[in-house]
N, C-alpha and C. Protein backbone atom coordinates (compact mmCIF):
# COMPACT_ATOMS: atom_id res chain seq x y z
N UNK A 1 -55.21 26.15 26.52
CA UNK A 1 -55.01 24.72 26.37
C UNK A 1 -53.57 24.36 26.69
N UNK A 2 -52.61 25.14 26.29
CA UNK A 2 -51.21 24.99 26.67
C UNK A 2 -50.62 23.61 26.51
N UNK A 3 -50.35 22.90 27.63
CA UNK A 3 -49.61 21.65 27.59
C UNK A 3 -50.41 20.45 27.08
N UNK A 4 -51.67 20.60 26.86
CA UNK A 4 -52.55 19.48 26.53
C UNK A 4 -51.98 18.53 25.47
N UNK A 5 -51.54 19.00 24.28
CA UNK A 5 -51.10 18.05 23.25
C UNK A 5 -49.79 17.35 23.57
N UNK A 6 -48.96 17.93 24.43
CA UNK A 6 -47.63 17.40 24.65
C UNK A 6 -47.57 16.27 25.65
N UNK A 7 -48.45 16.22 26.61
CA UNK A 7 -48.27 15.27 27.69
C UNK A 7 -48.35 13.82 27.25
N UNK A 8 -49.17 13.48 26.28
CA UNK A 8 -49.25 12.11 25.79
C UNK A 8 -47.99 11.69 25.06
N UNK A 9 -47.30 12.64 24.46
CA UNK A 9 -46.09 12.33 23.72
C UNK A 9 -45.02 11.71 24.61
N UNK A 10 -44.85 12.22 25.80
CA UNK A 10 -43.83 11.70 26.71
C UNK A 10 -44.18 10.32 27.23
N UNK A 11 -45.45 10.05 27.45
CA UNK A 11 -45.86 8.75 27.96
C UNK A 11 -45.62 7.66 26.92
N UNK A 12 -45.77 8.01 25.65
CA UNK A 12 -45.65 7.02 24.59
C UNK A 12 -44.37 7.14 23.79
N UNK A 13 -43.57 8.18 24.03
CA UNK A 13 -42.36 8.38 23.26
C UNK A 13 -42.65 8.79 21.82
N UNK A 14 -43.69 9.56 21.61
CA UNK A 14 -44.06 10.01 20.27
C UNK A 14 -43.41 11.37 19.98
N UNK A 15 -42.36 11.35 19.16
CA UNK A 15 -41.68 12.59 18.79
C UNK A 15 -40.67 13.07 19.81
N UNK A 16 -40.64 12.46 20.97
CA UNK A 16 -39.68 12.78 22.04
C UNK A 16 -39.27 11.48 22.71
N UNK A 17 -38.21 11.53 23.48
CA UNK A 17 -37.84 10.34 24.25
C UNK A 17 -38.93 10.05 25.28
N UNK A 18 -39.26 8.79 25.44
CA UNK A 18 -40.25 8.39 26.44
C UNK A 18 -39.72 8.74 27.81
N UNK A 19 -40.53 9.38 28.64
CA UNK A 19 -40.09 9.85 29.95
C UNK A 19 -41.29 9.86 30.90
N UNK A 20 -41.35 8.86 31.77
CA UNK A 20 -42.47 8.75 32.70
C UNK A 20 -42.55 9.92 33.67
N UNK A 21 -41.42 10.48 34.06
CA UNK A 21 -41.42 11.60 35.01
C UNK A 21 -42.11 12.81 34.37
N UNK A 22 -41.71 13.13 33.15
CA UNK A 22 -42.31 14.28 32.47
C UNK A 22 -43.78 13.99 32.12
N UNK A 23 -44.07 12.77 31.71
CA UNK A 23 -45.47 12.41 31.42
C UNK A 23 -46.32 12.57 32.68
N UNK A 24 -45.83 12.08 33.82
CA UNK A 24 -46.55 12.21 35.09
C UNK A 24 -46.78 13.68 35.42
N UNK A 25 -45.74 14.50 35.20
CA UNK A 25 -45.86 15.93 35.48
C UNK A 25 -47.02 16.53 34.67
N UNK A 26 -47.04 16.27 33.34
CA UNK A 26 -48.09 16.84 32.50
C UNK A 26 -49.47 16.28 32.84
N UNK A 27 -49.55 15.01 33.13
CA UNK A 27 -50.83 14.43 33.52
C UNK A 27 -51.31 15.04 34.84
N UNK A 28 -50.38 15.26 35.77
CA UNK A 28 -50.73 15.87 37.05
C UNK A 28 -51.26 17.29 36.85
N UNK A 29 -50.60 18.04 35.98
CA UNK A 29 -51.05 19.40 35.67
C UNK A 29 -52.43 19.36 35.03
N UNK A 30 -52.62 18.43 34.12
CA UNK A 30 -53.93 18.29 33.48
C UNK A 30 -55.02 18.01 34.50
N UNK A 31 -54.72 17.11 35.42
CA UNK A 31 -55.68 16.79 36.49
C UNK A 31 -55.97 18.01 37.35
N UNK A 32 -54.93 18.76 37.69
CA UNK A 32 -55.10 19.95 38.52
C UNK A 32 -55.94 21.01 37.82
N UNK A 33 -55.96 20.96 36.49
CA UNK A 33 -56.75 21.91 35.72
C UNK A 33 -58.13 21.38 35.36
N UNK A 34 -58.53 20.29 36.02
CA UNK A 34 -59.90 19.82 35.89
C UNK A 34 -60.15 18.71 34.89
N UNK A 35 -59.11 18.17 34.28
CA UNK A 35 -59.28 17.09 33.31
C UNK A 35 -59.17 15.74 34.03
N UNK A 36 -60.29 15.09 34.22
CA UNK A 36 -60.33 13.82 34.95
C UNK A 36 -59.42 12.77 34.33
N UNK A 37 -59.37 12.72 33.01
CA UNK A 37 -58.53 11.72 32.34
C UNK A 37 -57.04 11.93 32.67
N UNK A 38 -56.67 13.17 32.95
CA UNK A 38 -55.29 13.45 33.35
C UNK A 38 -54.92 12.71 34.62
N UNK A 39 -55.81 12.73 35.59
CA UNK A 39 -55.57 12.01 36.84
C UNK A 39 -55.52 10.50 36.63
N UNK A 40 -56.39 10.01 35.77
CA UNK A 40 -56.39 8.57 35.48
C UNK A 40 -55.09 8.16 34.79
N UNK A 41 -54.66 8.96 33.82
CA UNK A 41 -53.41 8.65 33.12
C UNK A 41 -52.20 8.79 34.04
N UNK A 42 -52.22 9.81 34.90
CA UNK A 42 -51.14 9.99 35.87
C UNK A 42 -51.01 8.75 36.75
N UNK A 43 -52.13 8.26 37.23
CA UNK A 43 -52.11 7.09 38.10
C UNK A 43 -51.64 5.84 37.36
N UNK A 44 -51.98 5.73 36.08
CA UNK A 44 -51.52 4.59 35.28
C UNK A 44 -50.01 4.62 35.10
N UNK A 45 -49.47 5.80 34.78
CA UNK A 45 -48.02 5.94 34.60
C UNK A 45 -47.30 5.67 35.92
N UNK A 46 -47.89 6.14 37.03
CA UNK A 46 -47.25 6.01 38.34
C UNK A 46 -47.03 4.55 38.74
N UNK A 47 -47.83 3.65 38.22
CA UNK A 47 -47.68 2.22 38.54
C UNK A 47 -46.33 1.67 38.11
N UNK A 48 -45.69 2.34 37.16
CA UNK A 48 -44.41 1.88 36.62
C UNK A 48 -43.24 2.73 37.08
N UNK A 49 -43.47 3.57 38.10
CA UNK A 49 -42.45 4.51 38.57
C UNK A 49 -42.07 4.25 40.01
N UNK A 50 -40.78 4.37 40.34
CA UNK A 50 -40.38 4.31 41.76
C UNK A 50 -40.83 5.58 42.48
N UNK A 51 -41.00 5.50 43.79
CA UNK A 51 -41.49 6.65 44.56
C UNK A 51 -40.67 7.93 44.36
N UNK A 52 -39.36 7.82 44.22
CA UNK A 52 -38.54 9.02 44.06
C UNK A 52 -38.83 9.72 42.73
N UNK A 53 -39.18 8.97 41.69
CA UNK A 53 -39.54 9.59 40.42
C UNK A 53 -40.91 10.28 40.50
N UNK A 54 -41.82 9.69 41.25
CA UNK A 54 -43.13 10.32 41.45
C UNK A 54 -42.96 11.64 42.20
N UNK A 55 -42.13 11.63 43.22
CA UNK A 55 -41.87 12.87 43.97
C UNK A 55 -41.25 13.93 43.08
N UNK A 56 -40.31 13.53 42.23
CA UNK A 56 -39.68 14.47 41.31
C UNK A 56 -40.73 15.05 40.35
N UNK A 57 -41.59 14.20 39.81
CA UNK A 57 -42.64 14.66 38.88
C UNK A 57 -43.59 15.63 39.57
N UNK A 58 -43.93 15.36 40.81
CA UNK A 58 -44.82 16.26 41.55
C UNK A 58 -44.17 17.61 41.78
N UNK A 59 -42.88 17.61 42.12
CA UNK A 59 -42.15 18.87 42.32
C UNK A 59 -42.05 19.64 41.00
N UNK A 60 -41.83 18.92 39.90
CA UNK A 60 -41.75 19.56 38.59
C UNK A 60 -43.10 20.19 38.21
N UNK A 61 -44.19 19.51 38.53
CA UNK A 61 -45.52 20.05 38.24
C UNK A 61 -45.77 21.33 39.03
N UNK A 62 -45.37 21.32 40.30
CA UNK A 62 -45.53 22.54 41.12
C UNK A 62 -44.72 23.68 40.53
N UNK A 63 -43.48 23.40 40.14
CA UNK A 63 -42.60 24.43 39.57
C UNK A 63 -43.19 24.95 38.25
N UNK A 64 -43.66 24.07 37.43
CA UNK A 64 -44.24 24.44 36.14
C UNK A 64 -45.45 25.36 36.33
N UNK A 65 -46.37 24.93 37.15
CA UNK A 65 -47.57 25.72 37.37
C UNK A 65 -47.25 27.04 38.06
N UNK A 66 -46.30 27.00 39.00
CA UNK A 66 -45.91 28.20 39.73
C UNK A 66 -45.20 29.23 38.87
N UNK A 67 -44.62 28.78 37.76
CA UNK A 67 -43.92 29.69 36.85
C UNK A 67 -44.80 30.09 35.66
N UNK A 68 -46.10 29.82 35.79
CA UNK A 68 -47.05 30.10 34.71
C UNK A 68 -46.63 29.38 33.43
N UNK A 69 -46.21 28.14 33.60
CA UNK A 69 -45.85 27.22 32.51
C UNK A 69 -44.59 27.66 31.74
N UNK A 70 -43.72 28.41 32.41
CA UNK A 70 -42.48 28.84 31.76
C UNK A 70 -41.31 27.91 32.09
N UNK A 71 -41.36 27.23 33.23
CA UNK A 71 -40.27 26.35 33.67
C UNK A 71 -40.84 24.95 33.88
N UNK A 72 -40.95 24.22 32.78
CA UNK A 72 -41.65 22.94 32.82
C UNK A 72 -40.76 21.74 32.52
N UNK A 73 -39.48 21.88 32.75
CA UNK A 73 -38.59 20.73 32.70
C UNK A 73 -38.31 20.14 31.34
N UNK A 74 -38.66 20.85 30.28
CA UNK A 74 -38.32 20.30 28.96
C UNK A 74 -37.88 21.35 27.99
């Protein structure tokens, strides 16, 4: 399950500073792992993000997944 509980926290600022880039990263990872709601949430967050932040979040998601969730930007 790994990152599942944490990704909503960044989108809403629950227990951590609100961060759309990190929220997008976790939602993107969730979507890549087969959770449809992750893709829906990622797209919702993306509506409030400039393109450069979306690109950064996508790169962070690739790095996170490529490091077996060891280097996830937080």
